[in-house]
PDB file of N, CA and C in Angstrom:
ATOM      1  N   UNK A   1     176.276  97.276 127.101  1.00  0.00           N
ATOM      2  CA  UNK A   1     175.885  97.407 128.295  1.00  0.00           C
ATOM      3  C   UNK A   1     175.651  96.218 129.070  1.00  0.00           C
ATOM      4  N   UNK A   2     176.443  95.949 130.045  1.00  0.00           N
ATOM      5  CA  UNK A   2     176.646  94.829 131.140  1.00  0.00           C
ATOM      6  C   UNK A   2     175.437  94.312 131.582  1.00  0.00           C
ATOM      7  N   UNK A   3     174.828  93.537 131.526  1.00  0.00           N
ATOM      8  CA  UNK A   3     173.285  93.292 132.336  1.00  0.00           C
ATOM      9  C   UNK A   3     173.477  92.749 133.221  1.00  0.00           C
ATOM     10  N   UNK A   4     172.860  93.065 134.580  1.00  0.00           N
ATOM     11  CA  UNK A   4     172.445  92.733 135.830  1.00  0.00           C
ATOM     12  C   UNK A   4     171.126  93.098 136.300  1.00  0.00           C
ATOM     13  N   UNK A   5     170.861  92.118 137.468  1.00  0.00           N
ATOM     14  CA  UNK A   5     170.102  92.208 138.294  1.00  0.00           C
ATOM     15  C   UNK A   5     168.867  93.671 138.245  1.00  0.00           C
ATOM     16  N   UNK A   6     167.597  93.397 138.296  1.00  0.00           N
ATOM     17  CA  UNK A   6     166.648  94.868 138.378  1.00  0.00           C
ATOM     18  C   UNK A   6     166.449  94.839 139.762  1.00  0.00           C
ATOM     19  N   UNK A   7     166.874  95.736 140.747  1.00  0.00           N
ATOM     20  CA  UNK A   7     167.122  95.820 142.219  1.00  0.00           C
ATOM     21  C   UNK A   7     166.434  97.217 142.456  1.00  0.00           C
ATOM     22  N   UNK A   8     166.558  98.124 141.793  1.00  0.00           N
ATOM     23  CA  UNK A   8     166.114  99.482 141.932  1.00  0.00           C
ATOM     24  C   UNK A   8     164.916 100.205 140.939  1.00  0.00           C
ATOM     25  N   UNK A   9     164.510 101.311 141.090  1.00  0.00           N
ATOM     26  CA  UNK A   9     163.395 101.814 140.447  1.00  0.00           C
ATOM     27  C   UNK A   9     164.591 102.414 139.422  1.00  0.00           C
ATOM     28  N   UNK A  10     165.397 102.897 139.493  1.00  0.00           N
ATOM     29  CA  UNK A  10     166.542 103.478 138.626  1.00  0.00           C
ATOM     30  C   UNK A  10     167.072 102.140 137.737  1.00  0.00           C
ATOM     31  N   UNK A  11     167.597 100.971 137.888  1.00  0.00           N
ATOM     32  CA  UNK A  11     167.335  99.849 137.305  1.00  0.00           C
ATOM     33  C   UNK A  11     166.507  99.994 136.196  1.00  0.00           C
ATOM     34  N   UNK A  12     165.176  99.811 136.903  1.00  0.00           N
ATOM     35  CA  UNK A  12     163.910  99.451 136.012  1.00  0.00           C
ATOM     36  C   UNK A  12     164.111 100.323 134.677  1.00  0.00           C
ATOM     37  N   UNK A  13     164.328 101.887 135.493  1.00  0.00           N
ATOM     38  CA  UNK A  13     164.231 102.469 133.995  1.00  0.00           C
ATOM     39  C   UNK A  13     165.321 102.654 132.941  1.00  0.00           C
ATOM     40  N   UNK A  14     166.283 102.196 133.529  1.00  0.00           N
ATOM     41  CA  UNK A  14     167.927 102.130 132.885  1.00  0.00           C
ATOM     42  C   UNK A  14     167.404 100.797 131.879  1.00  0.00           C
ATOM     43  N   UNK A  15     166.746  99.764 132.455  1.00  0.00           N
ATOM     44  CA  UNK A  15     166.606  98.830 131.525  1.00  0.00           C
ATOM     45  C   UNK A  15     165.404  98.768 130.320  1.00  0.00           C
ATOM     46  N   UNK A  16     164.530  99.535 130.577  1.00  0.00           N
ATOM     47  CA  UNK A  16     163.532 100.096 129.821  1.00  0.00           C
ATOM     48  C   UNK A  16     164.214 101.465 128.587  1.00  0.00           C
ATOM     49  N   UNK A  17     165.048 101.764 129.328  1.00  0.00           N
ATOM     50  CA  UNK A  17     165.647 102.563 128.340  1.00  0.00           C
ATOM     51  C   UNK A  17     166.235 102.016 127.248  1.00  0.00           C
ATOM     52  N   UNK A  18     167.232 101.069 127.578  1.00  0.00           N
ATOM     53  CA  UNK A  18     168.210 100.211 126.691  1.00  0.00           C
ATOM     54  C   UNK A  18     167.242  99.289 125.733  1.00  0.00           C
ATOM     55  N   UNK A  19     165.749  98.639 126.309  1.00  0.00           N
ATOM     56  CA  UNK A  19     165.067  98.217 125.306  1.00  0.00           C
ATOM     57  C   UNK A  19     164.570  98.827 124.401  1.00  0.00           C
ATOM     58  N   UNK A  20     164.408 100.271 124.781  1.00  0.00           N
ATOM     59  CA  UNK A  20     163.720 100.722 123.820  1.00  0.00           C
ATOM     60  C   UNK A  20     164.586 101.271 122.699  1.00  0.00           C
ATOM     61  N   UNK A  21     166.012 101.090 123.022  1.00  0.00           N
ATOM     62  CA  UNK A  21     166.984 101.689 122.269  1.00  0.00           C
ATOM     63  C   UNK A  21     167.613 100.213 121.065  1.00  0.00           C
ATOM     64  N   UNK A  22     167.096  98.830 121.567  1.00  0.00           N
ATOM     65  CA  UNK A  22     167.477  98.002 120.701  1.00  0.00           C
ATOM     66  C   UNK A  22     166.383  97.081 120.730  1.00  0.00           C
ATOM     67  N   UNK A  23     165.179  97.843 120.446  1.00  0.00           N
ATOM     68  CA  UNK A  23     164.013  97.287 120.353  1.00  0.00           C
ATOM     69  C   UNK A  23     163.709  96.321 119.259  1.00  0.00           C
ATOM     70  N   UNK A  24     164.687  96.989 117.937  1.00  0.00           N
ATOM     71  CA  UNK A  24     164.462  96.115 116.519  1.00  0.00           C
ATOM     72  C   UNK A  24     165.645  95.136 116.219  1.00  0.00           C
ATOM     73  N   UNK A  25     166.306  94.712 117.549  1.00  0.00           N
ATOM     74  CA  UNK A  25     167.614  93.989 117.428  1.00  0.00           C
ATOM     75  C   UNK A  25     166.854  92.977 116.874  1.00  0.00           C
ATOM     76  N   UNK A  26     167.692  92.282 115.711  1.00  0.00           N
ATOM     77  CA  UNK A  26     167.597  90.845 115.162  1.00  0.00           C
ATOM     78  C   UNK A  26     167.961  89.571 116.175  1.00  0.00           C
ATOM     79  N   UNK A  27     166.802  88.525 116.393  1.00  0.00           N
ATOM     80  CA  UNK A  27     166.858  87.581 117.457  1.00  0.00           C
ATOM     81  C   UNK A  27     168.277  86.791 116.978  1.00  0.00           C
ATOM     82  N   UNK A  28     168.941  86.526 117.863  1.00  0.00           N
ATOM     83  CA  UNK A  28     170.220  85.651 117.675  1.00  0.00           C
ATOM     84  C   UNK A  28     171.405  86.516 117.098  1.00  0.00           C
ATOM     85  N   UNK A  29     171.093  87.668 117.592  1.00  0.00           N
ATOM     86  CA  UNK A  29     172.472  88.942 117.531  1.00  0.00           C
ATOM     87  C   UNK A  29     173.039  88.696 119.051  1.00  0.00           C
ATOM     88  N   UNK A  30     173.434  89.766 119.071  1.00  0.00           N
ATOM     89  CA  UNK A  30     174.251  90.102 120.574  1.00  0.00           C
ATOM     90  C   UNK A  30     173.113  90.958 121.205  1.00  0.00           C
ATOM     91  N   UNK A  31     172.842  91.780 120.313  1.00  0.00           N
ATOM     92  CA  UNK A  31     171.686  92.941 120.923  1.00  0.00           C
ATOM     93  C   UNK A  31     170.359  92.014 120.645  1.00  0.00           C
ATOM     94  N   UNK A  32     170.226  91.362 120.006  1.00  0.00           N
ATOM     95  CA  UNK A  32     168.996  90.350 120.083  1.00  0.00           C
ATOM     96  C   UNK A  32     168.686  89.457 121.601  1.00  0.00           C
ATOM     97  N   UNK A  33     170.183  89.024 121.660  1.00  0.00           N
ATOM     98  CA  UNK A  33     169.885  88.439 122.974  1.00  0.00           C
ATOM     99  C   UNK A  33     170.158  89.185 124.747  1.00  0.00           C
ATOM    100  N   UNK A  34     170.586  90.204 123.979  1.00  0.00           N
ATOM    101  CA  UNK A  34     170.663  91.403 125.566  1.00  0.00           C
ATOM    102  C   UNK A  34     168.961  91.856 125.289  1.00  0.00           C
ATOM    103  N   UNK A  35     168.209  91.903 124.135  1.00  0.00           N
ATOM    104  CA  UNK A  35     166.722  92.533 124.317  1.00  0.00           C
ATOM    105  C   UNK A  35     165.973  91.373 124.880  1.00  0.00           C
ATOM    106  N   UNK A  36     166.427  89.988 124.693  1.00  0.00           N
ATOM    107  CA  UNK A  36     165.509  89.113 125.221  1.00  0.00           C
ATOM    108  C   UNK A  36     165.803  88.758 126.885  1.00  0.00           C
ATOM    109  N   UNK A  37     167.232  89.000 127.521  1.00  0.00           N
ATOM    110  CA  UNK A  37     167.300  88.833 128.822  1.00  0.00           C
ATOM    111  C   UNK A  37     166.681  89.987 129.309  1.00  0.00           C
ATOM    112  N   UNK A  38     166.734  91.213 129.197  1.00  0.00           N
ATOM    113  CA  UNK A  38     166.263  92.275 129.455  1.00  0.00           C
ATOM    114  C   UNK A  38     164.739  92.187 129.808  1.00  0.00           C
ATOM    115  N   UNK A  39     164.336  91.702 128.606  1.00  0.00           N
ATOM    116  CA  UNK A  39     162.792  91.609 128.237  1.00  0.00           C
ATOM    117  C   UNK A  39     162.170  90.446 129.734  1.00  0.00           C
ATOM    118  N   UNK A  40     163.055  89.566 130.067  1.00  0.00           N
ATOM    119  CA  UNK A  40     162.885  88.917 131.207  1.00  0.00           C
ATOM    120  C   UNK A  40     163.102  89.720 132.572  1.00  0.00           C
ATOM    121  N   UNK A  41     164.091  90.018 132.402  1.00  0.00           N
ATOM    122  CA  UNK A  41     164.314  90.717 134.270  1.00  0.00           C
ATOM    123  C   UNK A  41     163.407  91.750 134.468  1.00  0.00           C
ATOM    124  N   UNK A  42     162.601  92.504 133.167  1.00  0.00           N
ATOM    125  CA  UNK A  42     161.642  93.584 133.411  1.00  0.00           C
ATOM    126  C   UNK A  42     160.445  93.392 133.865  1.00  0.00           C
ATOM    127  N   UNK A  43     160.016  92.056 133.186  1.00  0.00           N
ATOM    128  CA  UNK A  43     158.947  91.163 133.483  1.00  0.00           C
ATOM    129  C   UNK A  43     159.043  90.399 134.858  1.00  0.00           C
ATOM    130  N   UNK A  44     159.749  89.759 135.441  1.00  0.00           N
ATOM    131  CA  UNK A  44     160.172  89.783 136.729  1.00  0.00           C
ATOM    132  C   UNK A  44     160.221  90.593 137.443  1.00  0.00           C
ATOM    133  N   UNK A  45     160.336  91.971 137.459  1.00  0.00           N
ATOM    134  CA  UNK A  45     160.396  93.119 138.399  1.00  0.00           C
ATOM    135  C   UNK A  45     159.349  93.591 138.247  1.00  0.00           C
ATOM    136  N   UNK A  46     158.806  93.704 137.263  1.00  0.00           N
ATOM    137  CA  UNK A  46     157.253  94.131 137.051  1.00  0.00           C
ATOM    138  C   UNK A  46     156.471  93.130 137.946  1.00  0.00           C
ATOM    139  N   UNK A  47     156.373  91.968 137.666  1.00  0.00           N
ATOM    140  CA  UNK A  47     155.758  90.704 138.255  1.00  0.00           C
ATOM    141  C   UNK A  47     155.436  91.264 140.040  1.00  0.00           C
ATOM    142  N   UNK A  48     156.747  91.447 140.463  1.00  0.00           N
ATOM    143  CA  UNK A  48     157.221  91.639 141.896  1.00  0.00           C
ATOM    144  C   UNK A  48     156.892  92.854 142.506  1.00  0.00           C
ATOM    145  N   UNK A  49     156.959  94.016 141.509  1.00  0.00           N
ATOM    146  CA  UNK A  49     156.492  95.079 142.239  1.00  0.00           C
ATOM    147  C   UNK A  49     155.487  96.214 141.715  1.00  0.00           C
ATOM    148  N   UNK A  50     154.742  95.232 140.392  1.00  0.00           N
ATOM    149  CA  UNK A  50     153.563  96.222 140.301  1.00  0.00           C
ATOM    150  C   UNK A  50     152.649  94.785 139.833  1.00  0.00           C
ATOM    151  N   UNK A  51     152.300  94.107 140.861  1.00  0.00           N
ATOM    152  CA  UNK A  51     151.462  92.861 140.496  1.00  0.00           C
ATOM    153  C   UNK A  51     149.938  93.167 140.572  1.00  0.00           C
ATOM    154  N   UNK A  52     149.191  92.662 139.590  1.00  0.00           N
ATOM    155  CA  UNK A  52     148.054  92.780 138.989  1.00  0.00           C
ATOM    156  C   UNK A  52     147.325  91.772 139.639  1.00  0.00           C
ATOM    157  N   UNK A  53     145.895  92.145 139.916  1.00  0.00           N
ATOM    158  CA  UNK A  53     145.314  90.852 141.256  1.00  0.00           C
ATOM    159  C   UNK A  53     144.025  90.728 140.219  1.00  0.00           C
ATOM    160  N   UNK A  54     144.047  89.488 140.237  1.00  0.00           N
ATOM    161  CA  UNK A  54     142.916  88.994 139.465  1.00  0.00           C
ATOM    162  C   UNK A  54     141.817  89.795 139.558  1.00  0.00           C
ATOM    163  N   UNK A  55     140.678  89.436 138.525  1.00  0.00           N
ATOM    164  CA  UNK A  55     139.472  90.147 139.075  1.00  0.00           C
ATOM    165  C   UNK A  55     138.535  89.462 140.212  1.00  0.00           C
ATOM    166  N   UNK A  56     137.500  90.216 141.031  1.00  0.00           N
ATOM    167  CA  UNK A  56     136.807  89.318 141.737  1.00  0.00           C
ATOM    168  C   UNK A  56     136.034  88.519 140.952  1.00  0.00           C
ATOM    169  N   UNK A  57     135.145  87.447 141.167  1.00  0.00           N
ATOM    170  CA  UNK A  57     134.127  86.703 140.769  1.00  0.00           C
ATOM    171  C   UNK A  57     133.285  87.994 139.504  1.00  0.00           C
ATOM    172  N   UNK A  58     132.525  88.825 140.774  1.00  0.00           N
ATOM    173  CA  UNK A  58     131.326  89.346 140.035  1.00  0.00           C
ATOM    174  C   UNK A  58     131.953  90.152 139.163  1.00  0.00           C
ATOM    175  N   UNK A  59     132.974  91.068 139.185  1.00  0.00           N
ATOM    176  CA  UNK A  59     133.631  91.978 138.276  1.00  0.00           C
ATOM    177  C   UNK A  59     133.804  90.932 136.855  1.00  0.00           C
ATOM    178  N   UNK A  60     134.316  90.033 137.344  1.00  0.00           N
ATOM    179  CA  UNK A  60     134.440  88.964 135.589  1.00  0.00           C
ATOM    180  C   UNK A  60     133.412  88.789 134.932  1.00  0.00           C
ATOM    181  N   UNK A  61     132.589  88.133 135.832  1.00  0.00           N
ATOM    182  CA  UNK A  61     130.962  87.932 135.300  1.00  0.00           C
ATOM    183  C   UNK A  61     130.299  89.018 134.555  1.00  0.00           C
ATOM    184  N   UNK A  62     130.471  90.232 135.424  1.00  0.00           N
ATOM    185  CA  UNK A  62     129.883  91.576 134.518  1.00  0.00           C
ATOM    186  C   UNK A  62     130.625  91.933 133.238  1.00  0.00           C
ATOM    187  N   UNK A  63     132.078  91.760 133.509  1.00  0.00           N
ATOM    188  CA  UNK A  63     133.068  92.371 132.084  1.00  0.00           C
ATOM    189  C   UNK A  63     132.387  91.425 131.485  1.00  0.00           C
ATOM    190  N   UNK A  64     132.362  90.147 131.462  1.00  0.00           N
ATOM    191  CA  UNK A  64     132.461  88.855 130.438  1.00  0.00           C
ATOM    192  C   UNK A  64     130.915  89.387 129.628  1.00  0.00           C
ATOM    193  N   UNK A  65     129.738  89.476 130.702  1.00  0.00           N
ATOM    194  CA  UNK A  65     128.241  89.620 130.074  1.00  0.00           C
ATOM    195  C   UNK A  65     128.294  90.829 129.455  1.00  0.00           C
ATOM    196  N   UNK A  66     129.295  91.811 129.582  1.00  0.00           N
ATOM    197  CA  UNK A  66     129.124  93.052 128.843  1.00  0.00           C
ATOM    198  C   UNK A  66     129.795  92.866 127.804  1.00  0.00           C
ATOM    199  N   UNK A  67     130.758  92.087 127.465  1.00  0.00           N
ATOM    200  CA  UNK A  67     131.293  91.819 126.399  1.00  0.00           C
ATOM    201  C   UNK A  67     130.640  90.787 125.513  1.00  0.00           C
ATOM    202  N   UNK A  68     129.752  90.064 125.968  1.00  0.00           N
ATOM    203  CA  UNK A  68     128.760  89.244 125.160  1.00  0.00           C
ATOM    204  C   UNK A  68     127.843  89.562 124.606  1.00  0.00           C
ATOM    205  N   UNK A  69     127.506  90.939 125.450  1.00  0.00           N
ATOM    206  CA  UNK A  69     126.029  91.733 125.083  1.00  0.00           C
ATOM    207  C   UNK A  69     124.926  91.215 125.866  1.00  0.00           C
ATOM    208  N   UNK A  70     125.413  90.504 126.920  1.00  0.00           N
ATOM    209  CA  UNK A  70     124.504  89.586 127.911  1.00  0.00           C
ATOM    210  C   UNK A  70     123.630  90.722 129.186  1.00  0.00           C
ATOM    211  N   UNK A  71     122.467  90.537 129.346  1.00  0.00           N
ATOM    212  CA  UNK A  71     121.893  91.157 130.381  1.00  0.00           C
ATOM    213  C   UNK A  71     121.505  90.285 131.410  1.00  0.00           C
ATOM    214  N   UNK A  72     121.129  90.833 132.775  1.00  0.00           N
ATOM    215  CA  UNK A  72     120.905  89.576 134.110  1.00  0.00           C
ATOM    216  C   UNK A  72     119.723  88.892 133.753  1.00  0.00           C
ATOM    217  N   UNK A  73     118.859  88.645 132.631  1.00  0.00           N
ATOM    218  CA  UNK A  73     118.092  87.900 132.418  1.00  0.00           C
ATOM    219  C   UNK A  73     118.537  86.835 131.912  1.00  0.00           C
ATOM    220  N   UNK A  74     119.760  87.091 131.044  1.00  0.00           N
ATOM    221  CA  UNK A  74     120.603  85.981 130.296  1.00  0.00           C
ATOM    222  C   UNK A  74     121.279  85.204 131.344  1.00  0.00           C
ATOM    223  N   UNK A  75     121.872  85.765 132.074  1.00  0.00           N
ATOM    224  CA  UNK A  75     122.357  85.026 133.410  1.00  0.00           C
ATOM    225  C   UNK A  75     121.688  84.332 133.946  1.00  0.00           C
ATOM    226  N   UNK A  76     120.477  85.119 134.322  1.00  0.00           N
ATOM    227  CA  UNK A  76     119.454  84.071 135.139  1.00  0.00           C
ATOM    228  C   UNK A  76     119.071  83.111 134.685  1.00  0.00           C
ATOM    229  N   UNK A  77     118.936  82.719 133.143  1.00  0.00           N
ATOM    230  CA  UNK A  77     118.697  81.567 132.409  1.00  0.00           C
ATOM    231  C   UNK A  77     119.278  80.484 132.673  1.00  0.00           C
ATOM    232  N   UNK A  78     121.009  80.969 132.788  1.00  0.00           N
ATOM    233  CA  UNK A  78     122.147  80.145 132.836  1.00  0.00           C
ATOM    234  C   UNK A  78     121.937  79.449 134.365  1.00  0.00           C
ATOM    235  N   UNK A  79     121.881  80.239 135.434  1.00  0.00           N
ATOM    236  CA  UNK A  79     122.101  79.959 136.254  1.00  0.00           C
ATOM    237  C   UNK A  79     120.260  79.410 137.553  1.00  0.00           C
ATOM    238  N   UNK A  80     119.544  79.773 136.755  1.00  0.00           N
ATOM    239  CA  UNK A  80     118.091  79.060 137.139  1.00  0.00           C
ATOM    240  C   UNK A  80     117.468  80.161 137.448  1.00  0.00           C
ATOM    241  N   UNK A  81     117.363  81.066 138.299  1.00  0.00           N
ATOM    242  CA  UNK A  81     116.627  81.922 138.272  1.00  0.00           C
ATOM    243  C   UNK A  81     116.764  83.484 138.396  1.00  0.00           C
ATOM    244  N   UNK A  82     115.641  84.517 138.467  1.00  0.00           N
ATOM    245  CA  UNK A  82     116.219  85.620 138.520  1.00  0.00           C
ATOM    246  C   UNK A  82     116.932  85.945 139.885  1.00  0.00           C
ATOM    247  N   UNK A  83     116.275  85.852 141.142  1.00  0.00           N
ATOM    248  CA  UNK A  83     116.584  86.285 142.196  1.00  0.00           C
ATOM    249  C   UNK A  83     118.518  85.636 142.521  1.00  0.00           C
ATOM    250  N   UNK A  84     118.267  84.461 142.009  1.00  0.00           N
ATOM    251  CA  UNK A  84     119.654  83.901 142.363  1.00  0.00           C
ATOM    252  C   UNK A  84     120.868  84.651 141.540  1.00  0.00           C
ATOM    253  N   UNK A  85     120.737  85.126 140.127  1.00  0.00           N
ATOM    254  CA  UNK A  85     121.466  86.097 139.379  1.00  0.00           C
ATOM    255  C   UNK A  85     121.829  87.287 140.109  1.00  0.00           C
ATOM    256  N   UNK A  86     120.743  88.024 140.606  1.00  0.00           N
ATOM    257  CA  UNK A  86     120.889  88.807 141.297  1.00  0.00           C
ATOM    258  C   UNK A  86     121.438  88.947 142.483  1.00  0.00           C
ATOM    259  N   UNK A  87     121.220  87.834 143.646  1.00  0.00           N
ATOM    260  CA  UNK A  87     122.100  87.809 144.728  1.00  0.00           C
ATOM    261  C   UNK A  87     123.390  87.710 144.088  1.00  0.00           C
ATOM    262  N   UNK A  88     123.764  86.932 143.217  1.00  0.00           N
ATOM    263  CA  UNK A  88     125.245  86.724 142.771  1.00  0.00           C
ATOM    264  C   UNK A  88     125.797  88.112 142.437  1.00  0.00           C
ATOM    265  N   UNK A  89     125.282  88.624 141.483  1.00  0.00           N
ATOM    266  CA  UNK A  89     125.770  89.910 141.146  1.00  0.00           C
ATOM    267  C   UNK A  89     125.855  91.183 142.220  1.00  0.00           C
ATOM    268  N   UNK A  90     125.017  91.296 142.986  1.00  0.00           N
ATOM    269  CA  UNK A  90     125.107  92.076 144.261  1.00  0.00           C
ATOM    270  C   UNK A  90     126.071  91.504 145.285  1.00  0.00           C
ATOM    271  N   UNK A  91     126.390  90.640 145.185  1.00  0.00           N
ATOM    272  CA  UNK A  91     127.424  89.718 146.271  1.00  0.00           C
ATOM    273  C   UNK A  91     127.038  89.534 147.249  1.00  0.00           C
ATOM    274  N   UNK A  92     125.654  89.134 147.403  1.00  0.00           N
ATOM    275  CA  UNK A  92     124.977  88.527 148.592  1.00  0.00           C
ATOM    276  C   UNK A  92     125.268  87.318 148.463  1.00  0.00           C
ATOM    277  N   UNK A  93     125.276  86.175 147.559  1.00  0.00           N
ATOM    278  CA  UNK A  93     125.223  85.004 147.290  1.00  0.00           C
ATOM    279  C   UNK A  93     126.690  84.585 146.821  1.00  0.00           C
ATOM    280  N   UNK A  94     127.483  83.716 147.375  1.00  0.00           N
ATOM    281  CA  UNK A  94     128.444  83.194 146.813  1.00  0.00           C
ATOM    282  C   UNK A  94     128.144  82.105 145.829  1.00  0.00           C
ATOM    283  N   UNK A  95     129.072  81.824 144.590  1.00  0.00           N
ATOM    284  CA  UNK A  95     128.632  80.810 143.713  1.00  0.00           C
ATOM    285  C   UNK A  95     129.154  79.352 144.007  1.00  0.00           C
ATOM    286  N   UNK A  96     128.126  78.782 143.675  1.00  0.00           N
ATOM    287  CA  UNK A  96     128.235  77.593 143.988  1.00  0.00           C
ATOM    288  C   UNK A  96     129.164  76.875 142.896  1.00  0.00           C
ATOM    289  N   UNK A  97     129.681  75.370 143.415  1.00  0.00           N
ATOM    290  CA  UNK A  97     130.331  74.665 142.542  1.00  0.00           C
ATOM    291  C   UNK A  97     129.516  74.743 141.121  1.00  0.00           C
ATOM    292  N   UNK A  98     128.621  73.832 141.092  1.00  0.00           N
ATOM    293  CA  UNK A  98     127.708  74.092 139.683  1.00  0.00           C
ATOM    294  C   UNK A  98     127.582  75.161 139.076  1.00  0.00           C
ATOM    295  N   UNK A  99     127.225  76.631 139.516  1.00  0.00           N
ATOM    296  CA  UNK A  99     127.252  77.481 138.948  1.00  0.00           C
ATOM    297  C   UNK A  99     128.851  78.122 138.251  1.00  0.00           C
ATOM    298  N   UNK A 100     129.718  77.607 139.181  1.00  0.00           N
ATOM    299  CA  UNK A 100     131.282  77.989 138.565  1.00  0.00           C
ATOM    300  C   UNK A 100     131.369  76.959 137.081  1.00  0.00           C
ATOM    301  N   UNK A 101     131.269  75.786 137.333  1.00  0.00           N
ATOM    302  CA  UNK A 101     130.953  75.339 136.100  1.00  0.00           C
ATOM    303  C   UNK A 101     130.481  75.515 134.820  1.00  0.00           C
ATOM    304  N   UNK A 102     129.319  76.037 135.254  1.00  0.00           N
ATOM    305  CA  UNK A 102     128.583  76.578 134.056  1.00  0.00           C
ATOM    306  C   UNK A 102     128.905  77.853 133.694  1.00  0.00           C
ATOM    307  N   UNK A 103     129.421  79.126 134.458  1.00  0.00           N
ATOM    308  CA  UNK A 103     130.015  80.238 134.014  1.00  0.00           C
ATOM    309  C   UNK A 103     131.284  79.919 133.255  1.00  0.00           C
ATOM    310  N   UNK A 104     131.988  78.812 133.840  1.00  0.00           N
ATOM    311  CA  UNK A 104     133.453  78.565 132.930  1.00  0.00           C
ATOM    312  C   UNK A 104     133.112  77.978 131.560  1.00  0.00           C
ATOM    313  N   UNK A 105     132.061  77.039 131.818  1.00  0.00           N
ATOM    314  CA  UNK A 105     132.015  76.287 130.489  1.00  0.00           C
ATOM    315  C   UNK A 105     131.201  77.142 129.189  1.00  0.00           C
ATOM    316  N   UNK A 106     130.178  77.748 129.826  1.00  0.00           N
ATOM    317  CA  UNK A 106     129.504  78.585 128.908  1.00  0.00           C
ATOM    318  C   UNK A 106     129.714  80.118 128.527  1.00  0.00           C
ATOM    319  N   UNK A 107     130.527  80.864 129.571  1.00  0.00           N
ATOM    320  CA  UNK A 107     130.875  82.238 129.519  1.00  0.00           C
ATOM    321  C   UNK A 107     132.363  82.488 128.882  1.00  0.00           C
ATOM    322  N   UNK A 108     133.291  81.104 129.394  1.00  0.00           N
ATOM    323  CA  UNK A 108     134.544  81.306 129.357  1.00  0.00           C
ATOM    324  C   UNK A 108     135.311  81.836 130.629  1.00  0.00           C
ATOM    325  N   UNK A 109     134.627  81.837 131.988  1.00  0.00           N
ATOM    326  CA  UNK A 109     135.389  82.580 132.450  1.00  0.00           C
ATOM    327  C   UNK A 109     136.493  81.754 133.234  1.00  0.00           C
ATOM    328  N   UNK A 110     137.494  82.152 133.834  1.00  0.00           N
ATOM    329  CA  UNK A 110     138.477  80.988 134.426  1.00  0.00           C
ATOM    330  C   UNK A 110     137.789  80.850 135.729  1.00  0.00           C
ATOM    331  N   UNK A 111     138.155  79.293 135.910  1.00  0.00           N
ATOM    332  CA  UNK A 111     137.587  78.794 137.160  1.00  0.00           C
ATOM    333  C   UNK A 111     138.437  79.586 138.246  1.00  0.00           C
ATOM    334  N   UNK A 112     139.720  79.799 138.211  1.00  0.00           N
ATOM    335  CA  UNK A 112     140.662  80.192 139.330  1.00  0.00           C
ATOM    336  C   UNK A 112     139.806  81.584 139.409  1.00  0.00           C
ATOM    337  N   UNK A 113     139.319  82.329 138.856  1.00  0.00           N
ATOM    338  CA  UNK A 113     138.652  83.611 139.258  1.00  0.00           C
ATOM    339  C   UNK A 113     137.488  83.369 139.638  1.00  0.00           C
ATOM    340  N   UNK A 114     136.414  82.525 139.189  1.00  0.00           N
ATOM    341  CA  UNK A 114     135.327  82.309 139.901  1.00  0.00           C
ATOM    342  C   UNK A 114     135.573  81.552 140.993  1.00  0.00           C
ATOM    343  N   UNK A 115     136.663  80.959 141.843  1.00  0.00           N
ATOM    344  CA  UNK A 115     136.481  80.133 142.912  1.00  0.00           C
ATOM    345  C   UNK A 115     137.071  81.120 144.311  1.00  0.00           C
ATOM    346  N   UNK A 116     137.411  82.594 143.716  1.00  0.00           N
ATOM    347  CA  UNK A 116     137.791  83.053 145.210  1.00  0.00           C
ATOM    348  C   UNK A 116     136.658  83.738 145.963  1.00  0.00           C
ATOM    349  N   UNK A 117     136.719  83.807 147.074  1.00  0.00           N
ATOM    350  CA  UNK A 117     136.181  84.059 148.183  1.00  0.00           C
ATOM    351  C   UNK A 117     135.744  85.518 147.757  1.00  0.00           C
ATOM    352  N   UNK A 118     134.295  85.756 147.919  1.00  0.00           N
ATOM    353  CA  UNK A 118     133.882  87.250 147.292  1.00  0.00           C
ATOM    354  C   UNK A 118     134.071  87.693 149.021  1.00  0.00           C
ATOM    355  N   UNK A 119     134.151  89.129 148.494  1.00  0.00           N
ATOM    356  CA  UNK A 119     134.506  89.848 149.720  1.00  0.00           C
ATOM    357  C   UNK A 119     132.863  90.062 150.486  1.00  0.00           C
ATOM    358  N   UNK A 120     132.646  90.294 152.022  1.00  0.00           N
ATOM    359  CA  UNK A 120     131.129  90.328 152.707  1.00  0.00           C
ATOM    360  C   UNK A 120     130.939  91.808 152.205  1.00  0.00           C
ATOM    361  N   UNK A 121     129.215  91.670 151.784  1.00  0.00           N
ATOM    362  CA  UNK A 121     128.851  92.904 151.282  1.00  0.00           C
ATOM    363  C   UNK A 121     128.874  94.166 152.736  1.00  0.00           C
ATOM    364  N   UNK A 122     128.715  94.781 152.694  1.00  0.00           N
ATOM    365  CA  UNK A 122     128.653  96.110 153.913  1.00  0.00           C
ATOM    366  C   UNK A 122     127.434  96.654 153.651  1.00  0.00           C
TER     367      UNK A 122
END
C-alpha cells in the first residue's frame, strides 16, 4: 500500500482499515514502519477533525473530587470557606491565582485547565 496524507473521511477510513490489518506488525519491518506512519497520520487527522476540548475548571474540579471521594466540605477546607467553595462550584466565582495553585498542588489538576475563563452563569 502506498502511504499518502489523509484528506478525506474515506482516506481516514482506509487508513484505519489498513492499521487493523497490520496491527501486529513487528517494529523495524516494512509493515511495522507503515503502521507507525499511518498511526501518525491518523492521529494528526483526528486532532484536526475531532478536537477534544479541555474540561472547564468546574468540571475538572468536580471530576477530581469524585475520583478522590471528596465532598464539598473537603474542598471548602482547601479553599478556606464553604461559601467560596460553593460559589466556585456553581460558577458564580472565578478561581484566584492562590486557589489555582492549591488545586494544582493538592489535587493534581493541571493549571492550564484551571486558568481557563469560566463561562458566565445565566
